[in-house]
N, C-alpha and C. Protein backbone atom coordinates (compact mmCIF):
# COMPACT_ATOMS: atom_id res chain seq x y z
N MET A 1 211.16 -26.13 123.92
CA MET A 1 210.08 -25.21 124.17
C MET A 1 208.90 -25.89 124.84
N GLY A 2 208.65 -27.15 124.51
CA GLY A 2 207.50 -27.83 125.08
C GLY A 2 207.74 -28.32 126.49
N ASP A 3 208.98 -28.25 126.95
CA ASP A 3 209.31 -28.73 128.29
C ASP A 3 209.08 -27.60 129.31
N VAL A 4 208.12 -27.82 130.23
CA VAL A 4 207.81 -26.82 131.24
C VAL A 4 208.20 -27.31 132.62
N GLU A 5 208.99 -28.33 132.69
CA GLU A 5 209.34 -28.95 133.97
C GLU A 5 210.12 -28.01 134.87
N GLY A 6 210.96 -27.16 134.33
CA GLY A 6 211.79 -26.30 135.14
C GLY A 6 211.12 -24.98 135.50
N THR A 7 209.96 -24.68 134.94
CA THR A 7 209.31 -23.40 135.22
C THR A 7 208.52 -23.47 136.51
N LEU A 8 208.08 -22.31 136.96
CA LEU A 8 207.35 -22.23 138.23
C LEU A 8 206.01 -22.93 138.15
N PHE A 9 205.24 -22.73 137.06
CA PHE A 9 203.91 -23.32 136.95
C PHE A 9 203.95 -24.77 136.51
N GLY A 10 205.05 -25.24 136.09
CA GLY A 10 205.16 -26.63 135.68
C GLY A 10 205.49 -27.53 136.85
N SER A 11 205.76 -26.98 137.98
CA SER A 11 206.16 -27.77 139.13
C SER A 11 204.94 -28.47 139.73
N ALA A 12 205.06 -29.76 139.93
CA ALA A 12 203.98 -30.53 140.53
C ALA A 12 203.80 -30.15 141.99
N LEU A 13 204.90 -29.78 142.64
CA LEU A 13 204.82 -29.38 144.03
C LEU A 13 203.98 -28.12 144.21
N LEU A 14 204.19 -27.13 143.34
CA LEU A 14 203.42 -25.89 143.42
C LEU A 14 201.94 -26.14 143.16
N LEU A 15 201.64 -26.98 142.18
CA LEU A 15 200.24 -27.29 141.90
C LEU A 15 199.61 -28.04 143.07
N ASN A 16 200.34 -28.88 143.72
CA ASN A 16 199.84 -29.61 144.88
C ASN A 16 199.58 -28.65 146.05
N ILE A 17 200.47 -27.68 146.25
CA ILE A 17 200.28 -26.69 147.32
C ILE A 17 199.04 -25.84 147.04
N ILE A 18 198.87 -25.40 145.80
CA ILE A 18 197.68 -24.61 145.44
C ILE A 18 196.42 -25.42 145.64
N TYR A 19 196.46 -26.68 145.28
CA TYR A 19 195.30 -27.55 145.47
C TYR A 19 194.93 -27.64 146.95
N TRP A 20 195.91 -27.83 147.83
CA TRP A 20 195.62 -27.96 149.24
C TRP A 20 195.17 -26.63 149.86
N ILE A 21 195.68 -25.51 149.40
CA ILE A 21 195.22 -24.22 149.90
C ILE A 21 193.75 -24.00 149.56
N ILE A 22 193.38 -24.31 148.33
CA ILE A 22 191.98 -24.16 147.92
C ILE A 22 191.08 -25.12 148.69
N THR A 23 191.53 -26.35 148.89
CA THR A 23 190.74 -27.33 149.62
C THR A 23 190.53 -26.91 151.07
N VAL A 24 191.58 -26.45 151.73
CA VAL A 24 191.46 -26.00 153.13
C VAL A 24 190.54 -24.78 153.21
N ALA A 25 190.65 -23.86 152.28
CA ALA A 25 189.78 -22.68 152.28
C ALA A 25 188.32 -23.08 152.10
N GLN A 26 188.05 -24.04 151.24
CA GLN A 26 186.67 -24.50 151.04
C GLN A 26 186.12 -25.15 152.30
N TYR A 27 186.92 -26.02 152.94
CA TYR A 27 186.45 -26.67 154.15
C TYR A 27 186.30 -25.69 155.31
N ALA A 28 187.16 -24.70 155.40
CA ALA A 28 187.03 -23.70 156.45
C ALA A 28 185.76 -22.87 156.25
N THR A 29 185.50 -22.48 155.01
CA THR A 29 184.28 -21.73 154.73
C THR A 29 183.04 -22.57 155.02
N SER A 30 183.07 -23.82 154.64
CA SER A 30 181.94 -24.71 154.93
C SER A 30 181.77 -24.91 156.43
N GLY A 31 182.88 -24.99 157.16
CA GLY A 31 182.81 -25.15 158.61
C GLY A 31 182.18 -23.94 159.28
N VAL A 32 182.55 -22.74 158.85
CA VAL A 32 181.96 -21.53 159.42
C VAL A 32 180.47 -21.48 159.08
N PHE A 33 180.11 -21.83 157.87
CA PHE A 33 178.70 -21.86 157.49
C PHE A 33 177.93 -22.86 158.34
N MET A 34 178.52 -24.01 158.62
CA MET A 34 177.85 -25.03 159.44
C MET A 34 177.67 -24.54 160.88
N LEU A 35 178.64 -23.75 161.39
CA LEU A 35 178.47 -23.18 162.73
C LEU A 35 177.27 -22.23 162.76
N PHE A 36 177.16 -21.37 161.76
CA PHE A 36 176.01 -20.47 161.70
C PHE A 36 174.71 -21.25 161.57
N LEU A 37 174.71 -22.29 160.77
CA LEU A 37 173.52 -23.11 160.61
C LEU A 37 173.14 -23.82 161.91
N ALA A 38 174.14 -24.33 162.64
CA ALA A 38 173.86 -24.99 163.91
C ALA A 38 173.31 -23.99 164.93
N HIS A 39 173.85 -22.77 164.94
CA HIS A 39 173.34 -21.75 165.85
C HIS A 39 171.89 -21.39 165.51
N LYS A 40 171.59 -21.26 164.23
CA LYS A 40 170.23 -20.94 163.82
C LYS A 40 169.27 -22.06 164.22
N ALA A 41 169.68 -23.31 164.02
CA ALA A 41 168.83 -24.44 164.41
C ALA A 41 168.62 -24.46 165.91
N LEU A 42 169.67 -24.17 166.68
CA LEU A 42 169.53 -24.13 168.13
C LEU A 42 168.57 -23.03 168.57
N MET A 43 168.64 -21.87 167.93
CA MET A 43 167.72 -20.78 168.26
C MET A 43 166.27 -21.14 167.93
N ILE A 44 166.07 -21.81 166.80
CA ILE A 44 164.70 -22.20 166.42
C ILE A 44 164.16 -23.25 167.39
N ILE A 45 165.00 -24.18 167.81
CA ILE A 45 164.54 -25.24 168.71
C ILE A 45 164.25 -24.70 170.10
N THR A 46 165.09 -23.79 170.61
CA THR A 46 164.92 -23.31 171.98
C THR A 46 163.97 -22.12 172.10
N TYR A 47 163.53 -21.54 171.01
CA TYR A 47 162.67 -20.36 171.07
C TYR A 47 161.40 -20.58 171.89
N PRO A 48 160.67 -21.69 171.70
CA PRO A 48 159.45 -21.85 172.49
C PRO A 48 159.71 -21.98 173.99
N PHE A 49 160.90 -22.39 174.38
CA PHE A 49 161.19 -22.59 175.79
C PHE A 49 161.68 -21.34 176.49
N ILE A 50 162.21 -20.38 175.74
CA ILE A 50 162.76 -19.19 176.38
C ILE A 50 161.83 -17.98 176.28
N THR A 51 160.74 -18.10 175.54
CA THR A 51 159.80 -16.99 175.44
C THR A 51 158.79 -17.06 176.56
N ARG A 52 158.23 -15.93 176.88
CA ARG A 52 157.23 -15.86 177.93
C ARG A 52 155.93 -16.47 177.42
N LYS A 53 155.38 -17.39 178.16
CA LYS A 53 154.19 -18.11 177.73
C LYS A 53 152.92 -17.25 177.85
N ASP A 54 152.79 -16.55 178.95
CA ASP A 54 151.57 -15.81 179.20
C ASP A 54 151.89 -14.36 179.55
N PRO A 55 152.04 -13.51 178.55
CA PRO A 55 152.30 -12.11 178.85
C PRO A 55 151.09 -11.49 179.53
N VAL A 56 151.36 -10.62 180.46
CA VAL A 56 150.29 -9.98 181.21
C VAL A 56 149.97 -8.66 180.52
N PRO A 57 148.82 -8.56 179.88
CA PRO A 57 148.49 -7.31 179.17
C PRO A 57 148.10 -6.21 180.15
N GLY A 58 148.55 -5.02 179.84
CA GLY A 58 148.14 -3.85 180.60
C GLY A 58 148.91 -3.61 181.88
N VAL A 59 149.87 -4.46 182.23
CA VAL A 59 150.64 -4.25 183.45
C VAL A 59 151.95 -3.58 183.09
N LEU A 60 152.18 -2.40 183.65
CA LEU A 60 153.39 -1.64 183.39
C LEU A 60 154.33 -1.74 184.59
N PRO A 61 155.60 -1.57 184.39
CA PRO A 61 156.54 -1.66 185.51
C PRO A 61 156.31 -0.54 186.52
N GLU A 62 156.70 -0.80 187.75
CA GLU A 62 156.49 0.18 188.82
C GLU A 62 157.38 1.41 188.64
N ASP A 63 158.64 1.21 188.39
CA ASP A 63 159.56 2.33 188.22
C ASP A 63 159.75 2.59 186.72
N ARG A 64 158.93 3.45 186.21
CA ARG A 64 158.93 3.74 184.77
C ARG A 64 160.01 4.74 184.43
N PRO A 65 160.67 4.55 183.29
CA PRO A 65 161.72 5.50 182.90
C PRO A 65 161.13 6.80 182.38
N PHE A 66 161.98 7.80 182.29
CA PHE A 66 161.58 9.08 181.73
C PHE A 66 161.54 8.95 180.21
N VAL A 67 160.45 9.37 179.59
CA VAL A 67 160.24 9.19 178.15
C VAL A 67 160.10 10.56 177.49
N SER A 68 160.81 10.74 176.39
CA SER A 68 160.68 11.94 175.56
C SER A 68 160.12 11.53 174.21
N ILE A 69 159.01 12.14 173.82
CA ILE A 69 158.41 11.89 172.52
C ILE A 69 158.77 13.07 171.63
N GLN A 70 159.33 12.78 170.47
CA GLN A 70 159.72 13.84 169.56
C GLN A 70 158.82 13.81 168.33
N LEU A 71 158.18 14.92 168.05
CA LEU A 71 157.24 15.04 166.95
C LEU A 71 157.79 16.01 165.90
N PRO A 72 158.34 15.51 164.83
CA PRO A 72 158.80 16.41 163.77
C PRO A 72 157.61 16.91 162.95
N CYS A 73 157.62 18.19 162.62
CA CYS A 73 156.54 18.72 161.79
C CYS A 73 157.09 19.82 160.89
N TYR A 74 156.46 19.93 159.75
CA TYR A 74 156.82 20.98 158.79
C TYR A 74 155.55 21.39 158.08
N ASN A 75 155.06 22.59 158.37
CA ASN A 75 153.84 23.15 157.77
C ASN A 75 152.66 22.20 157.95
N GLU A 76 152.40 21.81 159.18
CA GLU A 76 151.30 20.89 159.47
C GLU A 76 150.33 21.51 160.48
N ALA A 77 149.88 22.70 160.21
CA ALA A 77 149.00 23.38 161.14
C ALA A 77 147.65 22.68 161.28
N ALA A 78 147.23 21.94 160.25
CA ALA A 78 145.93 21.30 160.28
C ALA A 78 145.89 20.10 161.22
N VAL A 79 147.02 19.45 161.46
CA VAL A 79 147.00 18.22 162.23
C VAL A 79 147.84 18.25 163.50
N ILE A 80 148.59 19.33 163.72
CA ILE A 80 149.55 19.32 164.82
C ILE A 80 148.87 19.23 166.18
N ARG A 81 147.71 19.84 166.33
CA ARG A 81 147.02 19.77 167.62
C ARG A 81 146.59 18.34 167.93
N ARG A 82 146.06 17.63 166.94
CA ARG A 82 145.66 16.23 167.16
C ARG A 82 146.86 15.34 167.46
N VAL A 83 147.98 15.60 166.79
CA VAL A 83 149.18 14.80 167.02
C VAL A 83 149.71 15.01 168.44
N ILE A 84 149.73 16.25 168.88
CA ILE A 84 150.20 16.54 170.24
C ILE A 84 149.24 15.95 171.27
N ASP A 85 147.94 16.07 171.05
CA ASP A 85 146.97 15.47 171.98
C ASP A 85 147.13 13.95 172.05
N ALA A 86 147.38 13.32 170.91
CA ALA A 86 147.57 11.87 170.90
C ALA A 86 148.85 11.49 171.64
N ALA A 87 149.89 12.28 171.48
CA ALA A 87 151.15 11.98 172.18
C ALA A 87 151.00 12.17 173.69
N CYS A 88 150.23 13.17 174.09
CA CYS A 88 150.06 13.44 175.52
C CYS A 88 149.05 12.50 176.18
N SER A 89 148.27 11.78 175.39
CA SER A 89 147.26 10.90 175.99
C SER A 89 147.78 9.48 176.22
N GLN A 90 149.08 9.31 176.22
CA GLN A 90 149.67 8.00 176.49
C GLN A 90 149.41 7.59 177.94
N GLU A 91 149.35 6.30 178.18
CA GLU A 91 149.22 5.80 179.55
C GLU A 91 150.60 5.78 180.20
N TRP A 92 151.05 6.93 180.55
CA TRP A 92 152.37 7.08 181.16
C TRP A 92 152.28 8.21 182.15
N PRO A 93 152.93 8.13 183.28
CA PRO A 93 152.84 9.23 184.25
C PRO A 93 153.34 10.53 183.63
N HIS A 94 152.56 11.58 183.82
CA HIS A 94 152.88 12.85 183.17
C HIS A 94 154.15 13.48 183.73
N ASP A 95 154.56 13.09 184.93
CA ASP A 95 155.82 13.62 185.44
C ASP A 95 157.02 12.87 184.85
N ARG A 96 156.78 11.77 184.14
CA ARG A 96 157.85 11.00 183.51
C ARG A 96 157.76 11.07 181.98
N LEU A 97 157.02 12.07 181.46
CA LEU A 97 156.78 12.18 180.02
C LEU A 97 156.95 13.63 179.58
N GLU A 98 157.64 13.82 178.46
CA GLU A 98 157.72 15.14 177.86
C GLU A 98 157.60 14.99 176.35
N VAL A 99 157.06 16.02 175.72
CA VAL A 99 156.86 16.02 174.28
C VAL A 99 157.68 17.15 173.69
N HIS A 100 158.54 16.80 172.72
CA HIS A 100 159.30 17.80 171.99
C HIS A 100 158.68 17.94 170.61
N VAL A 101 158.33 19.14 170.25
CA VAL A 101 157.82 19.41 168.92
C VAL A 101 158.95 20.04 168.11
N LEU A 102 159.39 19.34 167.09
CA LEU A 102 160.49 19.80 166.24
C LEU A 102 159.87 20.50 165.04
N ASP A 103 159.87 21.81 165.07
CA ASP A 103 159.09 22.58 164.11
C ASP A 103 160.00 23.44 163.24
N ASP A 104 159.97 23.20 161.93
CA ASP A 104 160.68 24.04 160.96
C ASP A 104 159.69 24.71 160.01
N SER A 105 158.50 24.95 160.48
CA SER A 105 157.43 25.45 159.62
C SER A 105 157.67 26.90 159.23
N ASN A 106 157.05 27.28 158.11
CA ASN A 106 157.07 28.67 157.69
C ASN A 106 155.65 29.12 157.31
N ASP A 107 154.65 28.45 157.88
CA ASP A 107 153.26 28.84 157.62
C ASP A 107 152.59 29.20 158.94
N GLU A 108 151.28 29.02 159.04
CA GLU A 108 150.54 29.41 160.24
C GLU A 108 150.82 28.52 161.44
N THR A 109 151.58 27.45 161.28
CA THR A 109 151.96 26.62 162.42
C THR A 109 152.81 27.44 163.39
N VAL A 110 153.66 28.31 162.87
CA VAL A 110 154.49 29.16 163.72
C VAL A 110 153.60 30.13 164.49
N ARG A 111 152.56 30.65 163.84
CA ARG A 111 151.64 31.56 164.53
C ARG A 111 150.85 30.82 165.59
N TRP A 112 150.56 29.55 165.37
CA TRP A 112 149.82 28.76 166.37
C TRP A 112 150.67 28.59 167.63
N TRP A 113 151.99 28.51 167.46
CA TRP A 113 152.88 28.40 168.60
C TRP A 113 153.02 29.74 169.32
N GLY A 114 152.65 30.82 168.67
CA GLY A 114 152.83 32.13 169.27
C GLY A 114 154.14 32.77 168.85
N GLY A 115 154.55 32.47 167.64
CA GLY A 115 155.79 33.06 167.14
C GLY A 115 156.98 32.16 167.40
N THR A 116 158.14 32.71 167.13
CA THR A 116 159.35 31.91 167.27
C THR A 116 160.05 32.13 168.60
N GLU A 117 159.55 33.00 169.46
CA GLU A 117 160.21 33.18 170.75
C GLU A 117 159.92 31.95 171.61
N GLY A 118 160.88 31.57 172.38
CA GLY A 118 160.76 30.38 173.22
C GLY A 118 161.23 29.12 172.53
N LEU A 119 161.48 29.22 171.24
CA LEU A 119 162.00 28.07 170.51
C LEU A 119 163.51 28.03 170.66
N ARG A 120 164.06 26.85 170.87
CA ARG A 120 165.50 26.69 170.94
C ARG A 120 165.90 25.74 169.83
N GLY A 121 166.35 26.28 168.72
CA GLY A 121 166.75 25.45 167.59
C GLY A 121 165.57 24.78 166.92
N GLY A 122 164.40 25.39 166.96
CA GLY A 122 163.22 24.80 166.35
C GLY A 122 162.55 23.75 167.21
N VAL A 123 162.97 23.61 168.48
CA VAL A 123 162.41 22.60 169.37
C VAL A 123 161.67 23.30 170.50
N ARG A 124 160.44 22.90 170.71
CA ARG A 124 159.65 23.42 171.82
C ARG A 124 159.24 22.23 172.69
N THR A 125 159.47 22.33 174.00
CA THR A 125 159.11 21.28 174.93
C THR A 125 157.77 21.61 175.54
N LEU A 126 156.85 20.67 175.46
CA LEU A 126 155.51 20.86 176.00
C LEU A 126 155.28 19.98 177.21
N PRO A 127 154.71 20.53 178.27
CA PRO A 127 154.31 19.66 179.38
C PRO A 127 152.97 19.02 179.05
N CYS A 128 152.84 17.77 179.37
CA CYS A 128 151.55 17.08 179.18
C CYS A 128 150.78 17.14 180.48
N LEU A 129 149.65 17.78 180.46
CA LEU A 129 148.83 17.94 181.68
C LEU A 129 147.60 17.09 181.61
């Protein structure tokens, strides 16, 4: 009964194979971790050299993309006019800017819009003039 030499777990070969599988897995995991660490160190070292030294404030690109600003609101009649005015006062060409007001209100905000006609799925597009 005390002899385990013939069993599967008593085999020295099996224990040696399990030992080497665990060792290789540990070294592989450590190797992957070291690759991530080396990449992080490389990014930290090269960051000052790849960033722009002197950004030019206030200069916008010549060909500006079309921008849509979406303003979600729900029963906000007290502040919606200020929010829309702030969105429309961006330094962006008005022909390249549109404001979508996403309105699910059930108070006087709907009356401020002039009812629900002209709404498409609760979205009203406003031109910024």
